[in-house]
Amino acid sequence: MAAHIAYGGIFVAEHPAPPFLEERPSIWTSAVVQTLLQLPDLVLHRVQQYRWGATAVKPTGLLAWNLPFFRKDLYSLSLPDPVKPDTAAIGKDDQGNFRTSKHKEYPKAFCKALAFVVAQQFERFVRSHGTRSCPAAPEVLDQWIAQAAAASTPVRDDSHWLPDFQHL
């Protein structure tokens, strides 16, 4: 994020939403994040993923840099009539499995909405001639980017997460 702030670009970071109880720890209440939030183009958004199909409310914090239409673009792809689930994504279910396990991946509609936010802002930059060429990256960085892209490309509808705590 610091590179985007210093050199230009956009950025989104995700972590569980700030807790309602102030005494609970959160990265969003850390001194460094609170200092960064004084920047006018950095905004911490709180969303509930059920609006994009999660089977639990799943309050989520999204820290957005240089994305002035973030909420508008994100919510434009939310489900039309989401039903707020009453299932908690905490604790264990009747079979003893952690309820958080199945919520570790975003719903497809949420992924699509996040990608849409970035694409829309990039399109705005292009239309307003707000882009510039970057110097060529070192070859090792290009290789890392290619490896990261290959590792993150597969979409796995059938992925199964292990429980959060395992007796090994």
N, C-alpha and C. Protein backbone atom coordinates (compact mmCIF):
# COMPACT_ATOMS: atom_id res chain seq x y z
N MET A 1 0.83 -1.19 0.00
CA MET A 1 0.00 0.00 0.00
C MET A 1 0.87 1.25 0.00
N ALA A 2 1.97 1.22 0.73
CA ALA A 2 2.84 2.39 0.80
C ALA A 2 3.35 2.77 -0.59
N ALA A 3 3.68 1.78 -1.40
CA ALA A 3 4.15 2.07 -2.76
C ALA A 3 3.05 2.74 -3.58
N HIS A 4 1.80 2.29 -3.43
CA HIS A 4 0.70 2.90 -4.16
C HIS A 4 0.45 4.33 -3.69
N ILE A 5 0.58 4.55 -2.40
CA ILE A 5 0.39 5.90 -1.86
C ILE A 5 1.49 6.82 -2.39
N ALA A 6 2.73 6.32 -2.41
CA ALA A 6 3.86 7.15 -2.82
C ALA A 6 3.94 7.35 -4.33
N TYR A 7 3.61 6.31 -5.12
CA TYR A 7 3.85 6.38 -6.55
C TYR A 7 2.60 6.38 -7.41
N GLY A 8 1.44 6.20 -6.80
CA GLY A 8 0.20 6.17 -7.56
C GLY A 8 -0.34 4.76 -7.68
N GLY A 9 -1.61 4.65 -7.93
CA GLY A 9 -2.24 3.35 -8.06
C GLY A 9 -3.42 3.23 -7.13
N ILE A 10 -3.96 2.04 -7.07
CA ILE A 10 -5.09 1.75 -6.19
C ILE A 10 -4.75 0.53 -5.35
N PHE A 11 -5.48 0.37 -4.25
CA PHE A 11 -5.15 -0.70 -3.31
C PHE A 11 -6.39 -1.07 -2.51
N VAL A 12 -6.55 -2.36 -2.25
CA VAL A 12 -7.61 -2.84 -1.35
C VAL A 12 -7.01 -3.90 -0.45
N ALA A 13 -7.23 -3.77 0.86
CA ALA A 13 -6.82 -4.79 1.83
C ALA A 13 -8.07 -5.27 2.56
N GLU A 14 -8.11 -6.57 2.85
CA GLU A 14 -9.28 -7.17 3.50
C GLU A 14 -8.85 -7.81 4.81
N HIS A 15 -9.71 -7.69 5.79
CA HIS A 15 -9.53 -8.35 7.09
C HIS A 15 -10.90 -8.31 7.77
N PRO A 16 -11.17 -9.18 8.72
CA PRO A 16 -12.47 -9.07 9.41
C PRO A 16 -12.74 -7.64 9.87
N ALA A 17 -13.99 -7.26 9.83
CA ALA A 17 -14.39 -5.88 10.18
C ALA A 17 -13.97 -5.53 11.59
N PRO A 18 -13.80 -4.24 11.85
CA PRO A 18 -13.47 -3.83 13.21
C PRO A 18 -14.57 -4.30 14.17
N PRO A 19 -14.19 -4.79 15.34
CA PRO A 19 -15.20 -5.25 16.30
C PRO A 19 -15.99 -4.06 16.86
N PHE A 20 -17.21 -4.32 17.25
CA PHE A 20 -18.04 -3.27 17.84
C PHE A 20 -17.54 -2.89 19.24
N LEU A 21 -16.95 -3.85 19.94
CA LEU A 21 -16.41 -3.58 21.27
C LEU A 21 -14.99 -3.04 21.11
N GLU A 22 -14.76 -1.82 21.53
CA GLU A 22 -13.48 -1.16 21.33
C GLU A 22 -12.31 -1.86 22.00
N GLU A 23 -12.56 -2.61 23.06
CA GLU A 23 -11.46 -3.27 23.77
C GLU A 23 -10.94 -4.51 23.04
N ARG A 24 -11.66 -4.96 22.01
CA ARG A 24 -11.22 -6.12 21.23
C ARG A 24 -10.14 -5.71 20.23
N PRO A 25 -9.11 -6.54 20.04
CA PRO A 25 -8.03 -6.18 19.12
C PRO A 25 -8.46 -6.30 17.65
N SER A 26 -7.85 -5.49 16.82
CA SER A 26 -8.10 -5.52 15.38
C SER A 26 -6.96 -4.79 14.69
N ILE A 27 -6.58 -5.26 13.50
CA ILE A 27 -5.56 -4.52 12.76
C ILE A 27 -6.05 -3.12 12.42
N TRP A 28 -7.37 -2.98 12.28
CA TRP A 28 -7.93 -1.68 11.89
C TRP A 28 -7.78 -0.63 12.99
N THR A 29 -7.61 -1.06 14.22
CA THR A 29 -7.45 -0.09 15.31
C THR A 29 -5.99 0.10 15.70
N SER A 30 -5.08 -0.52 14.96
CA SER A 30 -3.65 -0.36 15.25
C SER A 30 -3.23 1.09 14.97
N ALA A 31 -2.18 1.52 15.63
CA ALA A 31 -1.72 2.90 15.49
C ALA A 31 -1.34 3.23 14.05
N VAL A 32 -0.69 2.29 13.37
CA VAL A 32 -0.26 2.58 11.99
C VAL A 32 -1.47 2.76 11.07
N VAL A 33 -2.48 1.91 11.20
CA VAL A 33 -3.67 2.04 10.34
C VAL A 33 -4.42 3.32 10.70
N GLN A 34 -4.54 3.63 11.97
CA GLN A 34 -5.23 4.86 12.37
C GLN A 34 -4.50 6.10 11.83
N THR A 35 -3.18 6.06 11.80
CA THR A 35 -2.41 7.17 11.23
C THR A 35 -2.65 7.27 9.72
N LEU A 36 -2.61 6.12 9.05
CA LEU A 36 -2.83 6.11 7.60
C LEU A 36 -4.24 6.58 7.24
N LEU A 37 -5.21 6.27 8.10
CA LEU A 37 -6.59 6.67 7.81
C LEU A 37 -6.80 8.18 7.86
N GLN A 38 -5.79 8.92 8.27
CA GLN A 38 -5.87 10.38 8.21
C GLN A 38 -5.66 10.89 6.78
N LEU A 39 -5.16 10.03 5.90
CA LEU A 39 -5.01 10.41 4.49
C LEU A 39 -6.39 10.51 3.85
N PRO A 40 -6.64 11.54 3.06
CA PRO A 40 -8.00 11.75 2.53
C PRO A 40 -8.46 10.68 1.54
N ASP A 41 -7.55 10.00 0.86
CA ASP A 41 -7.97 9.02 -0.15
C ASP A 41 -7.93 7.58 0.36
N LEU A 42 -7.75 7.42 1.67
CA LEU A 42 -7.75 6.08 2.27
C LEU A 42 -8.99 5.94 3.13
N VAL A 43 -9.81 4.95 2.82
CA VAL A 43 -11.10 4.78 3.52
C VAL A 43 -11.25 3.32 3.94
N LEU A 44 -11.67 3.12 5.17
CA LEU A 44 -11.98 1.78 5.67
C LEU A 44 -13.49 1.58 5.56
N HIS A 45 -13.87 0.62 4.71
CA HIS A 45 -15.28 0.30 4.50
C HIS A 45 -15.62 -0.95 5.30
N ARG A 46 -16.80 -0.99 5.87
CA ARG A 46 -17.31 -2.17 6.58
C ARG A 46 -18.48 -2.70 5.76
N VAL A 47 -18.36 -3.95 5.30
CA VAL A 47 -19.42 -4.57 4.50
C VAL A 47 -19.79 -5.90 5.13
N GLN A 48 -20.93 -6.42 4.73
CA GLN A 48 -21.38 -7.73 5.19
C GLN A 48 -21.50 -8.63 3.97
N GLN A 49 -20.70 -9.68 3.94
CA GLN A 49 -20.59 -10.51 2.73
C GLN A 49 -21.87 -11.26 2.37
N TYR A 50 -22.84 -11.35 3.25
CA TYR A 50 -24.08 -12.03 2.87
C TYR A 50 -24.75 -11.29 1.72
N ARG A 51 -24.47 -10.02 1.56
CA ARG A 51 -25.06 -9.25 0.47
C ARG A 51 -24.56 -9.72 -0.90
N TRP A 52 -23.52 -10.57 -0.90
CA TRP A 52 -22.99 -11.16 -2.13
C TRP A 52 -23.06 -12.68 -2.08
N GLY A 53 -23.87 -13.23 -1.17
CA GLY A 53 -24.12 -14.67 -1.17
C GLY A 53 -23.47 -15.49 -0.07
N ALA A 54 -22.76 -14.89 0.87
CA ALA A 54 -22.19 -15.67 1.98
C ALA A 54 -23.32 -16.22 2.83
N THR A 55 -23.11 -17.40 3.40
CA THR A 55 -24.16 -18.04 4.20
C THR A 55 -24.13 -17.58 5.65
N ALA A 56 -23.25 -16.63 5.96
CA ALA A 56 -23.22 -15.97 7.27
C ALA A 56 -23.06 -14.47 6.99
N VAL A 57 -23.36 -13.64 7.95
CA VAL A 57 -23.27 -12.19 7.75
C VAL A 57 -21.85 -11.81 7.35
N LYS A 58 -20.87 -12.33 8.05
CA LYS A 58 -19.44 -12.15 7.79
C LYS A 58 -19.04 -10.69 7.61
N PRO A 59 -19.07 -9.90 8.69
CA PRO A 59 -18.64 -8.50 8.62
C PRO A 59 -17.17 -8.42 8.20
N THR A 60 -16.91 -7.62 7.20
CA THR A 60 -15.58 -7.54 6.59
C THR A 60 -15.14 -6.10 6.48
N GLY A 61 -13.87 -5.86 6.81
CA GLY A 61 -13.27 -4.54 6.62
C GLY A 61 -12.49 -4.53 5.32
N LEU A 62 -12.70 -3.50 4.52
CA LEU A 62 -11.99 -3.33 3.26
C LEU A 62 -11.34 -1.95 3.26
N LEU A 63 -10.04 -1.92 3.28
CA LEU A 63 -9.29 -0.67 3.29
C LEU A 63 -8.97 -0.32 1.85
N ALA A 64 -9.49 0.79 1.38
CA ALA A 64 -9.38 1.16 -0.03
C ALA A 64 -8.61 2.46 -0.20
N TRP A 65 -7.62 2.43 -1.08
CA TRP A 65 -6.83 3.61 -1.41
C TRP A 65 -7.14 4.05 -2.84
N ASN A 66 -7.45 5.33 -2.98
CA ASN A 66 -7.64 5.95 -4.29
C ASN A 66 -8.77 5.30 -5.08
N LEU A 67 -9.82 4.92 -4.39
CA LEU A 67 -11.01 4.32 -5.00
C LEU A 67 -12.25 5.10 -4.54
N PRO A 68 -12.46 6.29 -5.10
CA PRO A 68 -13.53 7.16 -4.61
C PRO A 68 -14.94 6.62 -4.82
N PHE A 69 -15.10 5.68 -5.75
CA PHE A 69 -16.43 5.11 -6.02
C PHE A 69 -16.54 3.67 -5.52
N PHE A 70 -15.69 3.32 -4.56
CA PHE A 70 -15.61 1.95 -4.08
C PHE A 70 -16.98 1.39 -3.68
N ARG A 71 -17.66 2.04 -2.76
CA ARG A 71 -18.96 1.52 -2.28
C ARG A 71 -20.00 1.45 -3.39
N LYS A 72 -20.07 2.50 -4.19
CA LYS A 72 -21.04 2.53 -5.29
C LYS A 72 -20.80 1.35 -6.24
N ASP A 73 -19.54 1.17 -6.65
CA ASP A 73 -19.22 0.09 -7.58
C ASP A 73 -19.43 -1.28 -6.93
N LEU A 74 -18.99 -1.45 -5.69
CA LEU A 74 -19.12 -2.74 -5.01
C LEU A 74 -20.59 -3.12 -4.85
N TYR A 75 -21.39 -2.21 -4.34
CA TYR A 75 -22.81 -2.51 -4.08
C TYR A 75 -23.63 -2.61 -5.36
N SER A 76 -23.12 -2.09 -6.47
CA SER A 76 -23.86 -2.23 -7.73
C SER A 76 -23.94 -3.69 -8.17
N LEU A 77 -23.06 -4.52 -7.62
CA LEU A 77 -23.10 -5.96 -7.94
C LEU A 77 -23.51 -6.82 -6.76
N SER A 78 -24.11 -6.21 -5.73
CA SER A 78 -24.63 -7.03 -4.63
C SER A 78 -25.91 -7.71 -5.09
N LEU A 79 -26.30 -8.74 -4.37
CA LEU A 79 -27.52 -9.46 -4.73
C LEU A 79 -28.72 -8.53 -4.57
N PRO A 80 -29.74 -8.68 -5.43
CA PRO A 80 -30.87 -7.75 -5.38
C PRO A 80 -31.69 -7.79 -4.09
N ASP A 81 -31.93 -8.95 -3.55
CA ASP A 81 -32.73 -9.08 -2.33
C ASP A 81 -32.08 -10.07 -1.38
N PRO A 82 -30.91 -9.73 -0.84
CA PRO A 82 -30.25 -10.69 0.04
C PRO A 82 -31.02 -10.87 1.34
N VAL A 83 -31.04 -12.09 1.82
CA VAL A 83 -31.68 -12.39 3.10
C VAL A 83 -30.57 -12.52 4.14
N LYS A 84 -30.66 -11.72 5.18
CA LYS A 84 -29.63 -11.74 6.20
C LYS A 84 -29.70 -13.06 6.97
N PRO A 85 -28.61 -13.86 6.90
CA PRO A 85 -28.62 -15.14 7.61
C PRO A 85 -28.57 -14.95 9.12
N ASP A 86 -29.10 -15.92 9.83
CA ASP A 86 -29.01 -15.86 11.28
C ASP A 86 -27.98 -16.87 11.80
N THR A 87 -27.26 -17.52 10.88
CA THR A 87 -26.22 -18.47 11.24
C THR A 87 -24.96 -17.72 11.61
N ALA A 88 -24.38 -18.08 12.73
CA ALA A 88 -23.12 -17.46 13.15
C ALA A 88 -21.95 -18.19 12.52
N ALA A 89 -20.93 -17.44 12.14
CA ALA A 89 -19.72 -18.04 11.57
C ALA A 89 -18.66 -18.12 12.66
N ILE A 90 -19.06 -18.57 13.82
CA ILE A 90 -18.15 -18.68 14.94
C ILE A 90 -18.54 -19.92 15.75
N GLY A 91 -17.57 -20.50 16.42
CA GLY A 91 -17.87 -21.69 17.21
C GLY A 91 -17.89 -22.95 16.35
N LYS A 92 -18.53 -24.00 16.88
CA LYS A 92 -18.59 -25.28 16.19
C LYS A 92 -20.04 -25.63 15.86
N ASP A 93 -20.22 -26.40 14.78
CA ASP A 93 -21.55 -26.85 14.41
C ASP A 93 -21.89 -28.14 15.18
N ASP A 94 -23.03 -28.75 14.86
CA ASP A 94 -23.48 -29.95 15.57
C ASP A 94 -22.53 -31.14 15.40
N GLN A 95 -21.76 -31.14 14.31
CA GLN A 95 -20.81 -32.24 14.06
C GLN A 95 -19.43 -31.96 14.65
N GLY A 96 -19.27 -30.82 15.32
CA GLY A 96 -17.98 -30.48 15.93
C GLY A 96 -17.02 -29.76 15.00
N ASN A 97 -17.47 -29.39 13.78
CA ASN A 97 -16.62 -28.68 12.84
C ASN A 97 -16.68 -27.18 13.11
N PHE A 98 -15.57 -26.51 12.90
CA PHE A 98 -15.57 -25.06 13.07
C PHE A 98 -16.41 -24.40 11.99
N ARG A 99 -17.31 -23.54 12.38
CA ARG A 99 -18.19 -22.85 11.44
C ARG A 99 -17.43 -21.88 10.54
N THR A 100 -16.28 -21.41 10.98
CA THR A 100 -15.53 -20.45 10.18
C THR A 100 -14.91 -21.10 8.95
N SER A 101 -14.66 -22.40 8.98
CA SER A 101 -13.92 -23.06 7.90
C SER A 101 -14.53 -22.83 6.53
N LYS A 102 -15.83 -22.98 6.41
CA LYS A 102 -16.45 -22.86 5.08
C LYS A 102 -16.56 -21.42 4.61
N HIS A 103 -16.22 -20.48 5.47
CA HIS A 103 -16.33 -19.07 5.09
C HIS A 103 -14.97 -18.44 4.76
N LYS A 104 -13.95 -19.27 4.58
CA LYS A 104 -12.63 -18.72 4.34
C LYS A 104 -12.43 -18.24 2.91
N GLU A 105 -13.26 -18.65 1.99
CA GLU A 105 -13.17 -18.14 0.63
C GLU A 105 -14.37 -17.23 0.39
N TYR A 106 -14.15 -16.22 -0.42
CA TYR A 106 -15.22 -15.28 -0.74
C TYR A 106 -16.29 -15.94 -1.61
N PRO A 107 -17.54 -15.49 -1.48
CA PRO A 107 -18.56 -15.93 -2.44
C PRO A 107 -18.18 -15.41 -3.84
N LYS A 108 -18.57 -16.15 -4.87
CA LYS A 108 -18.24 -15.75 -6.24
C LYS A 108 -18.69 -14.33 -6.55
N ALA A 109 -19.87 -13.97 -6.12
CA ALA A 109 -20.39 -12.63 -6.42
C ALA A 109 -19.56 -11.55 -5.75
N PHE A 110 -18.98 -11.85 -4.58
CA PHE A 110 -18.13 -10.88 -3.90
C PHE A 110 -16.81 -10.71 -4.66
N CYS A 111 -16.25 -11.82 -5.14
CA CYS A 111 -15.03 -11.76 -5.95
C CYS A 111 -15.28 -10.92 -7.19
N LYS A 112 -16.41 -11.17 -7.83
CA LYS A 112 -16.75 -10.42 -9.04
C LYS A 112 -16.89 -8.93 -8.73
N ALA A 113 -17.52 -8.61 -7.61
CA ALA A 113 -17.72 -7.21 -7.24
C ALA A 113 -16.39 -6.52 -6.96
N LEU A 114 -15.47 -7.19 -6.27
CA LEU A 114 -14.16 -6.60 -5.99
C LEU A 114 -13.39 -6.37 -7.29
N ALA A 115 -13.43 -7.33 -8.20
CA ALA A 115 -12.77 -7.16 -9.49
C ALA A 115 -13.41 -6.01 -10.27
N PHE A 116 -14.71 -5.90 -10.19
CA PHE A 116 -15.44 -4.83 -10.88
C PHE A 116 -15.01 -3.46 -10.35
N VAL A 117 -14.84 -3.34 -9.04
CA VAL A 117 -14.39 -2.08 -8.43
C VAL A 117 -13.07 -1.64 -9.06
N VAL A 118 -12.12 -2.57 -9.13
CA VAL A 118 -10.80 -2.25 -9.67
C VAL A 118 -10.90 -1.91 -11.16
N ALA A 119 -11.66 -2.71 -11.92
CA ALA A 119 -11.80 -2.47 -13.36
C ALA A 119 -12.47 -1.12 -13.64
N GLN A 120 -13.50 -0.79 -12.87
CA GLN A 120 -14.19 0.48 -13.07
C GLN A 120 -13.25 1.66 -12.81
N GLN A 121 -12.47 1.58 -11.73
CA GLN A 121 -11.57 2.68 -11.42
C GLN A 121 -10.47 2.79 -12.46
N PHE A 122 -9.96 1.65 -12.92
CA PHE A 122 -8.94 1.69 -13.97
C PHE A 122 -9.51 2.34 -15.23
N GLU A 123 -10.74 2.00 -15.57
CA GLU A 123 -11.38 2.61 -16.74
C GLU A 123 -11.51 4.13 -16.56
N ARG A 124 -11.84 4.57 -15.36
CA ARG A 124 -11.93 6.01 -15.09
C ARG A 124 -10.57 6.67 -15.27
N PHE A 125 -9.52 6.01 -14.79
CA PHE A 125 -8.17 6.56 -14.96
C PHE A 125 -7.82 6.69 -16.45
N VAL A 126 -8.12 5.66 -17.23
CA VAL A 126 -7.81 5.67 -18.66
C VAL A 126 -8.58 6.79 -19.35
N ARG A 127 -9.88 6.90 -19.06
CA ARG A 127 -10.70 7.95 -19.70
C ARG A 127 -10.21 9.35 -19.36
N SER A 128 -9.70 9.55 -18.16
CA SER A 128 -9.24 10.88 -17.74
C SER A 128 -7.74 11.08 -17.99
N HIS A 129 -7.13 10.14 -18.72
CA HIS A 129 -5.70 10.18 -19.01
C HIS A 129 -4.88 10.23 -17.72
N GLY A 130 -5.35 9.50 -16.71
CA GLY A 130 -4.69 9.47 -15.41
C GLY A 130 -3.75 8.30 -15.23
N THR A 131 -3.27 7.75 -16.34
CA THR A 131 -2.32 6.64 -16.25
C THR A 131 -0.97 7.10 -16.79
N ARG A 132 0.06 6.39 -16.41
CA ARG A 132 1.40 6.66 -16.94
C ARG A 132 2.16 5.36 -17.03
N SER A 133 3.17 5.34 -17.86
CA SER A 133 3.99 4.14 -18.02
C SER A 133 4.91 4.00 -16.82
N CYS A 134 5.14 2.77 -16.45
CA CYS A 134 6.06 2.47 -15.35
C CYS A 134 7.37 1.97 -15.95
N PRO A 135 8.46 2.18 -15.25
CA PRO A 135 9.72 1.61 -15.74
C PRO A 135 9.64 0.09 -15.72
N ALA A 136 10.43 -0.54 -16.56
CA ALA A 136 10.44 -2.00 -16.63
C ALA A 136 10.83 -2.58 -15.27
N ALA A 137 10.12 -3.64 -14.90
CA ALA A 137 10.41 -4.31 -13.63
C ALA A 137 11.63 -5.21 -13.80
N PRO A 138 12.38 -5.43 -12.72
CA PRO A 138 13.49 -6.39 -12.81
C PRO A 138 12.95 -7.77 -13.18
N GLU A 139 13.76 -8.55 -13.87
CA GLU A 139 13.32 -9.87 -14.34
C GLU A 139 12.83 -10.75 -13.20
N VAL A 140 13.48 -10.69 -12.04
CA VAL A 140 13.08 -11.52 -10.90
C VAL A 140 11.67 -11.15 -10.45
N LEU A 141 11.30 -9.87 -10.53
CA LEU A 141 9.96 -9.45 -10.16
C LEU A 141 8.94 -9.95 -11.18
N ASP A 142 9.30 -9.89 -12.47
CA ASP A 142 8.41 -10.44 -13.51
C ASP A 142 8.17 -11.93 -13.29
N GLN A 143 9.21 -12.65 -12.91
CA GLN A 143 9.06 -14.09 -12.65
C GLN A 143 8.15 -14.33 -11.46
N TRP A 144 8.32 -13.55 -10.41
CA TRP A 144 7.48 -13.71 -9.22
C TRP A 144 6.02 -13.40 -9.56
N ILE A 145 5.78 -12.35 -10.33
CA ILE A 145 4.41 -11.99 -10.73
C ILE A 145 3.79 -13.13 -11.53
N ALA A 146 4.54 -13.72 -12.45
CA ALA A 146 4.03 -14.84 -13.25
C ALA A 146 3.70 -16.03 -12.35
N GLN A 147 4.54 -16.33 -11.37
CA GLN A 147 4.27 -17.44 -10.45
C GLN A 147 3.05 -17.15 -9.58
N ALA A 148 2.93 -15.92 -9.09
CA ALA A 148 1.78 -15.55 -8.27
C ALA A 148 0.49 -15.63 -9.09
N ALA A 149 0.54 -15.19 -10.34
CA ALA A 149 -0.64 -15.25 -11.21
C ALA A 149 -1.05 -16.70 -11.46
N ALA A 150 -0.08 -17.56 -11.72
CA ALA A 150 -0.38 -18.97 -11.97
C ALA A 150 -0.97 -19.64 -10.74
N ALA A 151 -0.45 -19.30 -9.56
CA ALA A 151 -0.93 -19.91 -8.32
C ALA A 151 -2.32 -19.44 -7.94
N SER A 152 -2.69 -18.23 -8.34
CA SER A 152 -3.98 -17.69 -7.93
C SER A 152 -5.05 -17.80 -9.01
N THR A 153 -4.70 -18.35 -10.16
CA THR A 153 -5.64 -18.43 -11.27
C THR A 153 -6.75 -19.46 -11.08
N PRO A 154 -6.44 -20.68 -10.59
CA PRO A 154 -7.51 -21.69 -10.50
C PRO A 154 -8.64 -21.27 -9.55
N VAL A 155 -9.85 -21.46 -9.99
CA VAL A 155 -11.01 -21.24 -9.14
C VAL A 155 -11.46 -22.62 -8.69
N ARG A 156 -11.54 -22.80 -7.38
CA ARG A 156 -11.83 -24.11 -6.83
C ARG A 156 -13.16 -24.09 -6.10
N ASP A 157 -14.20 -24.51 -6.79
CA ASP A 157 -15.51 -24.59 -6.14
C ASP A 157 -15.57 -25.72 -5.13
N ASP A 158 -14.70 -26.70 -5.30
CA ASP A 158 -14.78 -27.89 -4.47
C ASP A 158 -13.72 -27.91 -3.37
N SER A 159 -13.10 -26.77 -3.09
CA SER A 159 -12.03 -26.76 -2.09
C SER A 159 -12.61 -27.07 -0.71
N HIS A 160 -11.84 -27.74 0.08
CA HIS A 160 -12.25 -28.10 1.43
C HIS A 160 -11.19 -27.61 2.40
N TRP A 161 -11.59 -26.76 3.28
CA TRP A 161 -10.65 -26.21 4.26
C TRP A 161 -10.63 -27.09 5.49
N LEU A 162 -9.45 -27.23 6.05
CA LEU A 162 -9.33 -27.97 7.30
C LEU A 162 -9.86 -27.11 8.43
N PRO A 163 -10.20 -27.71 9.55
CA PRO A 163 -10.67 -26.92 10.70
C PRO A 163 -9.61 -25.92 11.13
N ASP A 164 -10.03 -24.84 11.78
CA ASP A 164 -9.11 -23.82 12.23
C ASP A 164 -8.13 -24.37 13.26
N PHE A 165 -8.57 -25.29 14.09
CA PHE A 165 -7.71 -25.88 15.09
C PHE A 165 -7.73 -27.37 14.90
N GLN A 166 -6.54 -27.96 14.79
CA GLN A 166 -6.45 -29.39 14.59
C GLN A 166 -5.59 -30.00 15.69
N HIS A 167 -6.01 -31.12 16.18
CA HIS A 167 -5.20 -31.86 17.15
C HIS A 167 -4.21 -32.69 16.36
N LEU A 168 -2.98 -32.21 16.21
CA LEU A 168 -1.97 -32.92 15.42
C LEU A 168 -1.08 -33.76 16.31
